[in-house]
Amino acid sequence: MSESQTRERVENLKSPVNKFQLLTETGIDMLTGNIEAECEHFKADTDIRIALQETKIIRLTSVLTLSAYYHINRAYFHASPGFLAILAGI
């Protein structure tokens, strides 16, 4: 096969190869876009679940803190009733 025949065959193959490459890139871009759109739904759902769990943790922490304040004040009162009178006077 001569060089000119080889060049001619390569030129003839360029067009189908370019078309195939364009179709492949378009398909890959479309699939990537669809996957990213689906991932956004999962991300939003996950964010909502994380926020809900954070709210529960904050609520539990505030309940424990209030309970601790109550027990600390009771301990001060039982240890020294005069101490609370001094604090109230300040």
PDB file of N, CA and C in Angstrom:
ATOM      1  N   MET A   1       0.845  -1.163   0.000  1.00  0.00           N
ATOM      2  CA  MET A   1       0.000   0.000   0.000  1.00  0.00           C
ATOM      3  C   MET A   1       0.895   1.232   0.000  1.00  0.00           C
ATOM      4  N   SER A   2       0.555   2.139  -0.874  1.00  0.00           N
ATOM      5  CA  SER A   2       1.387   3.331  -0.986  1.00  0.00           C
ATOM      6  C   SER A   2       0.982   4.356   0.070  1.00  0.00           C
ATOM      7  N   GLU A   3       1.820   5.335   0.193  1.00  0.00           N
ATOM      8  CA  GLU A   3       1.578   6.386   1.190  1.00  0.00           C
ATOM      9  C   GLU A   3       0.323   7.173   0.857  1.00  0.00           C
ATOM     10  N   SER A   4       0.077   7.436  -0.414  1.00  0.00           N
ATOM     11  CA  SER A   4      -1.113   8.201  -0.804  1.00  0.00           C
ATOM     12  C   SER A   4      -2.388   7.421  -0.498  1.00  0.00           C
ATOM     13  N   GLN A   5      -2.364   6.107  -0.697  1.00  0.00           N
ATOM     14  CA  GLN A   5      -3.535   5.293  -0.373  1.00  0.00           C
ATOM     15  C   GLN A   5      -3.775   5.279   1.143  1.00  0.00           C
ATOM     16  N   THR A   6      -2.707   5.215   1.883  1.00  0.00           N
ATOM     17  CA  THR A   6      -2.823   5.231   3.344  1.00  0.00           C
ATOM     18  C   THR A   6      -3.411   6.545   3.815  1.00  0.00           C
ATOM     19  N   ARG A   7      -2.934   7.653   3.278  1.00  0.00           N
ATOM     20  CA  ARG A   7      -3.466   8.972   3.650  1.00  0.00           C
ATOM     21  C   ARG A   7      -4.949   9.079   3.284  1.00  0.00           C
ATOM     22  N   GLU A   8      -5.305   8.547   2.122  1.00  0.00           N
ATOM     23  CA  GLU A   8      -6.696   8.609   1.673  1.00  0.00           C
ATOM     24  C   GLU A   8      -7.599   7.817   2.620  1.00  0.00           C
ATOM     25  N   ARG A   9      -7.157   6.650   3.039  1.00  0.00           N
ATOM     26  CA  ARG A   9      -7.953   5.834   3.966  1.00  0.00           C
ATOM     27  C   ARG A   9      -8.073   6.512   5.335  1.00  0.00           C
ATOM     28  N   VAL A  10      -6.991   7.105   5.775  1.00  0.00           N
ATOM     29  CA  VAL A  10      -7.035   7.827   7.055  1.00  0.00           C
ATOM     30  C   VAL A  10      -8.016   8.986   6.964  1.00  0.00           C
ATOM     31  N   GLU A  11      -7.991   9.728   5.871  1.00  0.00           N
ATOM     32  CA  GLU A  11      -8.918  10.851   5.689  1.00  0.00           C
ATOM     33  C   GLU A  11     -10.360  10.350   5.644  1.00  0.00           C
ATOM     34  N   ASN A  12     -10.582   9.198   5.003  1.00  0.00           N
ATOM     35  CA  ASN A  12     -11.934   8.641   4.932  1.00  0.00           C
ATOM     36  C   ASN A  12     -12.436   8.195   6.305  1.00  0.00           C
ATOM     37  N   LEU A  13     -11.538   7.766   7.157  1.00  0.00           N
ATOM     38  CA  LEU A  13     -11.929   7.312   8.492  1.00  0.00           C
ATOM     39  C   LEU A  13     -12.087   8.453   9.494  1.00  0.00           C
ATOM     40  N   LYS A  14     -11.542   9.614   9.210  1.00  0.00           N
ATOM     41  CA  LYS A  14     -11.606  10.735  10.155  1.00  0.00           C
ATOM     42  C   LYS A  14     -13.047  11.132  10.438  1.00  0.00           C
ATOM     43  N   SER A  15     -13.866  11.222   9.422  1.00  0.00           N
ATOM     44  CA  SER A  15     -15.239  11.675   9.609  1.00  0.00           C
ATOM     45  C   SER A  15     -16.043  10.721  10.503  1.00  0.00           C
ATOM     46  N   PRO A  16     -16.068   9.404  10.223  1.00  0.00           N
ATOM     47  CA  PRO A  16     -16.819   8.518  11.125  1.00  0.00           C
ATOM     48  C   PRO A  16     -16.269   8.500  12.551  1.00  0.00           C
ATOM     49  N   VAL A  17     -14.959   8.574  12.681  1.00  0.00           N
ATOM     50  CA  VAL A  17     -14.360   8.583  14.018  1.00  0.00           C
ATOM     51  C   VAL A  17     -14.757   9.851  14.762  1.00  0.00           C
ATOM     52  N   ASN A  18     -14.728  10.992  14.086  1.00  0.00           N
ATOM     53  CA  ASN A  18     -15.125  12.254  14.719  1.00  0.00           C
ATOM     54  C   ASN A  18     -16.597  12.227  15.122  1.00  0.00           C
ATOM     55  N   LYS A  19     -17.467  11.654  14.255  1.00  0.00           N
ATOM     56  CA  LYS A  19     -18.890  11.554  14.592  1.00  0.00           C
ATOM     57  C   LYS A  19     -19.091  10.664  15.821  1.00  0.00           C
ATOM     58  N   PHE A  20     -18.392   9.530  15.842  1.00  0.00           N
ATOM     59  CA  PHE A  20     -18.502   8.625  16.985  1.00  0.00           C
ATOM     60  C   PHE A  20     -18.016   9.304  18.262  1.00  0.00           C
ATOM     61  N   GLN A  21     -16.925  10.032  18.157  1.00  0.00           N
ATOM     62  CA  GLN A  21     -16.379  10.735  19.320  1.00  0.00           C
ATOM     63  C   GLN A  21     -17.368  11.784  19.811  1.00  0.00           C
ATOM     64  N   LEU A  22     -17.996  12.525  18.899  1.00  0.00           N
ATOM     65  CA  LEU A  22     -18.970  13.544  19.281  1.00  0.00           C
ATOM     66  C   LEU A  22     -20.172  12.905  19.975  1.00  0.00           C
ATOM     67  N   LEU A  23     -20.675  11.798  19.411  1.00  0.00           N
ATOM     68  CA  LEU A  23     -21.809  11.108  20.030  1.00  0.00           C
ATOM     69  C   LEU A  23     -21.444  10.575  21.413  1.00  0.00           C
ATOM     70  N   THR A  24     -20.261  10.039  21.536  1.00  0.00           N
ATOM     71  CA  THR A  24     -19.814   9.502  22.819  1.00  0.00           C
ATOM     72  C   THR A  24     -19.688  10.611  23.857  1.00  0.00           C
ATOM     73  N   GLU A  25     -19.082  11.728  23.480  1.00  0.00           N
ATOM     74  CA  GLU A  25     -18.932  12.852  24.418  1.00  0.00           C
ATOM     75  C   GLU A  25     -20.289  13.394  24.829  1.00  0.00           C
ATOM     76  N   THR A  26     -21.217  13.508  23.870  1.00  0.00           N
ATOM     77  CA  THR A  26     -22.552  14.011  24.186  1.00  0.00           C
ATOM     78  C   THR A  26     -23.261  13.064  25.148  1.00  0.00           C
ATOM     79  N   GLY A  27     -23.166  11.761  24.879  1.00  0.00           N
ATOM     80  CA  GLY A  27     -23.793  10.775  25.767  1.00  0.00           C
ATOM     81  C   GLY A  27     -23.199  10.795  27.156  1.00  0.00           C
ATOM     82  N   ILE A  28     -21.896  10.910  27.239  1.00  0.00           N
ATOM     83  CA  ILE A  28     -21.232  10.954  28.549  1.00  0.00           C
ATOM     84  C   ILE A  28     -21.630  12.216  29.301  1.00  0.00           C
ATOM     85  N   ASP A  29     -21.685  13.349  28.602  1.00  0.00           N
ATOM     86  CA  ASP A  29     -22.099  14.597  29.251  1.00  0.00           C
ATOM     87  C   ASP A  29     -23.532  14.486  29.761  1.00  0.00           C
ATOM     88  N   MET A  30     -24.413  13.870  28.964  1.00  0.00           N
ATOM     89  CA  MET A  30     -25.804  13.720  29.368  1.00  0.00           C
ATOM     90  C   MET A  30     -25.908  12.802  30.591  1.00  0.00           C
ATOM     91  N   LEU A  31     -25.181  11.694  30.579  1.00  0.00           N
ATOM     92  CA  LEU A  31     -25.193  10.785  31.728  1.00  0.00           C
ATOM     93  C   LEU A  31     -24.640  11.456  32.980  1.00  0.00           C
ATOM     94  N   THR A  32     -23.575  12.204  32.818  1.00  0.00           N
ATOM     95  CA  THR A  32     -22.983  12.913  33.958  1.00  0.00           C
ATOM     96  C   THR A  32     -23.979  13.909  34.546  1.00  0.00           C
ATOM     97  N   GLY A  33     -24.670  14.641  33.675  1.00  0.00           N
ATOM     98  CA  GLY A  33     -25.678  15.596  34.146  1.00  0.00           C
ATOM     99  C   GLY A  33     -26.809  14.910  34.894  1.00  0.00           C
ATOM    100  N   ASN A  34     -27.278  13.776  34.372  1.00  0.00           N
ATOM    101  CA  ASN A  34     -28.355  13.039  35.040  1.00  0.00           C
ATOM    102  C   ASN A  34     -27.909  12.504  36.396  1.00  0.00           C
ATOM    103  N   ILE A  35     -26.705  11.987  36.456  1.00  0.00           N
ATOM    104  CA  ILE A  35     -26.190  11.463  37.729  1.00  0.00           C
ATOM    105  C   ILE A  35     -26.042  12.584  38.750  1.00  0.00           C
ATOM    106  N   GLU A  36     -25.540  13.737  38.320  1.00  0.00           N
ATOM    107  CA  GLU A  36     -25.393  14.868  39.245  1.00  0.00           C
ATOM    108  C   GLU A  36     -26.751  15.339  39.743  1.00  0.00           C
ATOM    109  N   ALA A  37     -27.766  15.341  38.861  1.00  0.00           N
ATOM    110  CA  ALA A  37     -29.109  15.752  39.284  1.00  0.00           C
ATOM    111  C   ALA A  37     -29.668  14.786  40.325  1.00  0.00           C
ATOM    112  N   GLU A  38     -29.465  13.490  40.122  1.00  0.00           N
ATOM    113  CA  GLU A  38     -29.932  12.506  41.097  1.00  0.00           C
ATOM    114  C   GLU A  38     -29.179  12.641  42.417  1.00  0.00           C
ATOM    115  N   CYS A  39     -27.902  12.930  42.350  1.00  0.00           N
ATOM    116  CA  CYS A  39     -27.106  13.089  43.572  1.00  0.00           C
ATOM    117  C   CYS A  39     -27.574  14.295  44.380  1.00  0.00           C
ATOM    118  N   GLU A  40     -28.075  15.325  43.715  1.00  0.00           N
ATOM    119  CA  GLU A  40     -28.581  16.501  44.429  1.00  0.00           C
ATOM    120  C   GLU A  40     -29.759  16.122  45.322  1.00  0.00           C
ATOM    121  N   HIS A  41     -30.634  15.226  44.836  1.00  0.00           N
ATOM    122  CA  HIS A  41     -31.760  14.780  45.664  1.00  0.00           C
ATOM    123  C   HIS A  41     -31.261  14.055  46.911  1.00  0.00           C
ATOM    124  N   PHE A  42     -30.280  13.172  46.727  1.00  0.00           N
ATOM    125  CA  PHE A  42     -29.729  12.457  47.874  1.00  0.00           C
ATOM    126  C   PHE A  42     -29.034  13.411  48.834  1.00  0.00           C
ATOM    127  N   LYS A  43     -28.339  14.404  48.293  1.00  0.00           N
ATOM    128  CA  LYS A  43     -27.636  15.374  49.133  1.00  0.00           C
ATOM    129  C   LYS A  43     -28.631  16.178  49.965  1.00  0.00           C
ATOM    130  N   ALA A  44     -29.721  16.621  49.331  1.00  0.00           N
ATOM    131  CA  ALA A  44     -30.729  17.394  50.056  1.00  0.00           C
ATOM    132  C   ALA A  44     -31.360  16.546  51.157  1.00  0.00           C
ATOM    133  N   ASP A  45     -31.682  15.295  50.851  1.00  0.00           N
ATOM    134  CA  ASP A  45     -32.273  14.404  51.845  1.00  0.00           C
ATOM    135  C   ASP A  45     -31.308  14.156  52.996  1.00  0.00           C
ATOM    136  N   THR A  46     -30.045  13.961  52.675  1.00  0.00           N
ATOM    137  CA  THR A  46     -29.029  13.738  53.706  1.00  0.00           C
ATOM    138  C   THR A  46     -28.854  14.979  54.575  1.00  0.00           C
ATOM    139  N   ASP A  47     -28.854  16.167  53.954  1.00  0.00           N
ATOM    140  CA  ASP A  47     -28.731  17.407  54.727  1.00  0.00           C
ATOM    141  C   ASP A  47     -29.894  17.560  55.705  1.00  0.00           C
ATOM    142  N   ILE A  48     -31.109  17.214  55.252  1.00  0.00           N
ATOM    143  CA  ILE A  48     -32.277  17.315  56.128  1.00  0.00           C
ATOM    144  C   ILE A  48     -32.146  16.346  57.298  1.00  0.00           C
ATOM    145  N   ARG A  49     -31.701  15.128  57.022  1.00  0.00           N
ATOM    146  CA  ARG A  49     -31.553  14.145  58.100  1.00  0.00           C
ATOM    147  C   ARG A  49     -30.482  14.573  59.096  1.00  0.00           C
ATOM    148  N   ILE A  50     -29.384  15.115  58.609  1.00  0.00           N
ATOM    149  CA  ILE A  50     -28.320  15.581  59.506  1.00  0.00           C
ATOM    150  C   ILE A  50     -28.829  16.730  60.367  1.00  0.00           C
ATOM    151  N   ALA A  51     -29.563  17.666  59.763  1.00  0.00           N
ATOM    152  CA  ALA A  51     -30.107  18.793  60.527  1.00  0.00           C
ATOM    153  C   ALA A  51     -31.071  18.304  61.602  1.00  0.00           C
ATOM    154  N   LEU A  52     -31.885  17.300  61.277  1.00  0.00           N
ATOM    155  CA  LEU A  52     -32.816  16.749  62.257  1.00  0.00           C
ATOM    156  C   LEU A  52     -32.068  16.128  63.436  1.00  0.00           C
ATOM    157  N   GLN A  53     -31.020  15.384  63.154  1.00  0.00           N
ATOM    158  CA  GLN A  53     -30.246  14.759  64.229  1.00  0.00           C
ATOM    159  C   GLN A  53     -29.523  15.815  65.069  1.00  0.00           C
ATOM    160  N   GLU A  54     -29.015  16.863  64.418  1.00  0.00           N
ATOM    161  CA  GLU A  54     -28.374  17.947  65.171  1.00  0.00           C
ATOM    162  C   GLU A  54     -29.378  18.619  66.092  1.00  0.00           C
ATOM    163  N   THR A  55     -30.608  18.805  65.624  1.00  0.00           N
ATOM    164  CA  THR A  55     -31.648  19.406  66.451  1.00  0.00           C
ATOM    165  C   THR A  55     -31.936  18.535  67.667  1.00  0.00           C
ATOM    166  N   LYS A  56     -32.001  17.236  67.457  1.00  0.00           N
ATOM    167  CA  LYS A  56     -32.248  16.329  68.587  1.00  0.00           C
ATOM    168  C   LYS A  56     -31.110  16.386  69.598  1.00  0.00           C
ATOM    169  N   ILE A  57     -29.880  16.455  69.109  1.00  0.00           N
ATOM    170  CA  ILE A  57     -28.728  16.528  70.015  1.00  0.00           C
ATOM    171  C   ILE A  57     -28.746  17.834  70.797  1.00  0.00           C
ATOM    172  N   ILE A  58     -29.056  18.943  70.129  1.00  0.00           N
ATOM    173  CA  ILE A  58     -29.110  20.242  70.815  1.00  0.00           C
ATOM    174  C   ILE A  58     -30.219  20.236  71.860  1.00  0.00           C
ATOM    175  N   ARG A  59     -31.374  19.667  71.511  1.00  0.00           N
ATOM    176  CA  ARG A  59     -32.487  19.600  72.462  1.00  0.00           C
ATOM    177  C   ARG A  59     -32.088  18.782  73.691  1.00  0.00           C
ATOM    178  N   LEU A  60     -31.457  17.638  73.476  1.00  0.00           N
ATOM    179  CA  LEU A  60     -31.023  16.791  74.593  1.00  0.00           C
ATOM    180  C   LEU A  60     -29.998  17.518  75.459  1.00  0.00           C
ATOM    181  N   THR A  61     -29.075  18.220  74.820  1.00  0.00           N
ATOM    182  CA  THR A  61     -28.058  18.964  75.566  1.00  0.00           C
ATOM    183  C   THR A  61     -28.697  20.054  76.423  1.00  0.00           C
ATOM    184  N   SER A  62     -29.691  20.748  75.878  1.00  0.00           N
ATOM    185  CA  SER A  62     -30.336  21.809  76.663  1.00  0.00           C
ATOM    186  C   SER A  62     -31.119  21.225  77.835  1.00  0.00           C
ATOM    187  N   VAL A  63     -31.769  20.079  77.636  1.00  0.00           N
ATOM    188  CA  VAL A  63     -32.491  19.439  78.745  1.00  0.00           C
ATOM    189  C   VAL A  63     -31.514  19.008  79.835  1.00  0.00           C
ATOM    190  N   LEU A  64     -30.397  18.420  79.430  1.00  0.00           N
ATOM    191  CA  LEU A  64     -29.394  18.006  80.418  1.00  0.00           C
ATOM    192  C   LEU A  64     -28.804  19.206  81.152  1.00  0.00           C
ATOM    193  N   THR A  65     -28.593  20.299  80.436  1.00  0.00           N
ATOM    194  CA  THR A  65     -28.046  21.505  81.060  1.00  0.00           C
ATOM    195  C   THR A  65     -29.021  22.071  82.087  1.00  0.00           C
ATOM    196  N   LEU A  66     -30.304  22.141  81.725  1.00  0.00           N
ATOM    197  CA  LEU A  66     -31.302  22.640  82.674  1.00  0.00           C
ATOM    198  C   LEU A  66     -31.388  21.737  83.902  1.00  0.00           C
ATOM    199  N   SER A  67     -31.328  20.449  83.680  1.00  0.00           N
ATOM    200  CA  SER A  67     -31.360  19.513  84.805  1.00  0.00           C
ATOM    201  C   SER A  67     -30.134  19.697  85.696  1.00  0.00           C
ATOM    202  N   ALA A  68     -28.990  19.907  85.080  1.00  0.00           N
ATOM    203  CA  ALA A  68     -27.766  20.123  85.859  1.00  0.00           C
ATOM    204  C   ALA A  68     -27.869  21.402  86.682  1.00  0.00           C
ATOM    205  N   TYR A  69     -28.400  22.496  86.069  1.00  0.00           N
ATOM    206  CA  TYR A  69     -28.569  23.743  86.822  1.00  0.00           C
ATOM    207  C   TYR A  69     -29.498  23.530  88.016  1.00  0.00           C
ATOM    208  N   TYR A  70     -30.572  22.788  87.812  1.00  0.00           N
ATOM    209  CA  TYR A  70     -31.524  22.529  88.897  1.00  0.00           C
ATOM    210  C   TYR A  70     -30.841  21.787  90.041  1.00  0.00           C
ATOM    211  N   HIS A  71     -30.098  20.749  89.704  1.00  0.00           N
ATOM    212  CA  HIS A  71     -29.447  19.958  90.752  1.00  0.00           C
ATOM    213  C   HIS A  71     -28.317  20.727  91.430  1.00  0.00           C
ATOM    214  N   ILE A  72     -27.621  21.555  90.691  1.00  0.00           N
ATOM    215  CA  ILE A  72     -26.571  22.380  91.304  1.00  0.00           C
ATOM    216  C   ILE A  72     -27.190  23.356  92.296  1.00  0.00           C
ATOM    217  N   ASN A  73     -28.296  24.001  91.908  1.00  0.00           N
ATOM    218  CA  ASN A  73     -28.960  24.948  92.818  1.00  0.00           C
ATOM    219  C   ASN A  73     -29.514  24.234  94.050  1.00  0.00           C
ATOM    220  N   ARG A  74     -30.067  23.038  93.871  1.00  0.00           N
ATOM    221  CA  ARG A  74     -30.549  22.270  95.030  1.00  0.00           C
ATOM    222  C   ARG A  74     -29.395  21.918  95.958  1.00  0.00           C
ATOM    223  N   ALA A  75     -28.256  21.558  95.377  1.00  0.00           N
ATOM    224  CA  ALA A  75     -27.095  21.209  96.209  1.00  0.00           C
ATOM    225  C   ALA A  75     -26.619  22.421  96.998  1.00  0.00           C
ATOM    226  N   TYR A  76     -26.582  23.594  96.347  1.00  0.00           N
ATOM    227  CA  TYR A  76     -26.193  24.806  97.072  1.00  0.00           C
ATOM    228  C   TYR A  76     -27.171  25.099  98.202  1.00  0.00           C
ATOM    229  N   PHE A  77     -28.464  24.939  97.943  1.00  0.00           N
ATOM    230  CA  PHE A  77     -29.464  25.239  98.962  1.00  0.00           C
ATOM    231  C   PHE A  77     -29.332  24.289 100.149  1.00  0.00           C
ATOM    232  N   HIS A  78     -29.134  23.007  99.860  1.00  0.00           N
ATOM    233  CA  HIS A  78     -29.016  22.046 100.958  1.00  0.00           C
ATOM    234  C   HIS A  78     -27.683  22.184 101.691  1.00  0.00           C
ATOM    235  N   ALA A  79     -26.660  22.575 100.995  1.00  0.00           N
ATOM    236  CA  ALA A  79     -25.353  22.725 101.643  1.00  0.00           C
ATOM    237  C   ALA A  79     -25.338  23.953 102.536  1.00  0.00           C
ATOM    238  N   SER A  80     -25.923  25.039 102.055  1.00  0.00           N
ATOM    239  CA  SER A  80     -25.881  26.269 102.833  1.00  0.00           C
ATOM    240  C   SER A  80     -27.057  27.155 102.431  1.00  0.00           C
ATOM    241  N   PRO A  81     -28.166  27.087 103.191  1.00  0.00           N
ATOM    242  CA  PRO A  81     -29.313  27.950 102.866  1.00  0.00           C
ATOM    243  C   PRO A  81     -28.960  29.431 102.966  1.00  0.00           C
ATOM    244  N   GLY A  82     -28.018  29.775 103.826  1.00  0.00           N
ATOM    245  CA  GLY A  82     -27.605  31.170 103.953  1.00  0.00           C
ATOM    246  C   GLY A  82     -26.841  31.646 102.729  1.00  0.00           C
ATOM    247  N   PHE A  83     -26.190  30.719 102.020  1.00  0.00           N
ATOM    248  CA  PHE A  83     -25.419  31.083 100.828  1.00  0.00           C
ATOM    249  C   PHE A  83     -26.342  31.636  99.742  1.00  0.00           C
ATOM    250  N   LEU A  84     -27.514  31.015  99.567  1.00  0.00           N
ATOM    251  CA  LEU A  84     -28.470  31.522  98.576  1.00  0.00           C
ATOM    252  C   LEU A  84     -28.998  32.894  98.980  1.00  0.00           C
ATOM    253  N   ALA A  85     -29.164  33.113 100.279  1.00  0.00           N
ATOM    254  CA  ALA A  85     -29.619  34.425 100.739  1.00  0.00           C
ATOM    255  C   ALA A  85     -28.571  35.480 100.420  1.00  0.00           C
ATOM    256  N   ILE A  86     -27.308  35.124 100.564  1.00  0.00           N
ATOM    257  CA  ILE A  86     -26.223  36.056 100.228  1.00  0.00           C
ATOM    258  C   ILE A  86     -26.225  36.336  98.729  1.00  0.00           C
ATOM    259  N   LEU A  87     -26.378  35.271  97.931  1.00  0.00           N
ATOM    260  CA  LEU A  87     -26.413  35.456  96.476  1.00  0.00           C
ATOM    261  C   LEU A  87     -27.610  36.288  96.048  1.00  0.00           C
ATOM    262  N   ALA A  88     -28.745  36.075  96.688  1.00  0.00           N
ATOM    263  CA  ALA A  88     -29.937  36.849  96.354  1.00  0.00           C
ATOM    264  C   ALA A  88     -29.753  38.310  96.742  1.00  0.00           C
ATOM    265  N   GLY A  89     -28.992  38.555  97.786  1.00  0.00           N
ATOM    266  CA  GLY A  89     -28.752  39.926  98.228  1.00  0.00           C
ATOM    267  C   GLY A  89     -27.792  40.671  97.327  1.00  0.00           C
ATOM    268  N   ILE A  90     -26.977  39.942  96.597  1.00  0.00           N
ATOM    269  CA  ILE A  90     -25.998  40.589  95.716  1.00  0.00           C
ATOM    270  C   ILE A  90     -26.707  41.019  94.512  1.00  0.00           C
TER     271      ILE A  90
END
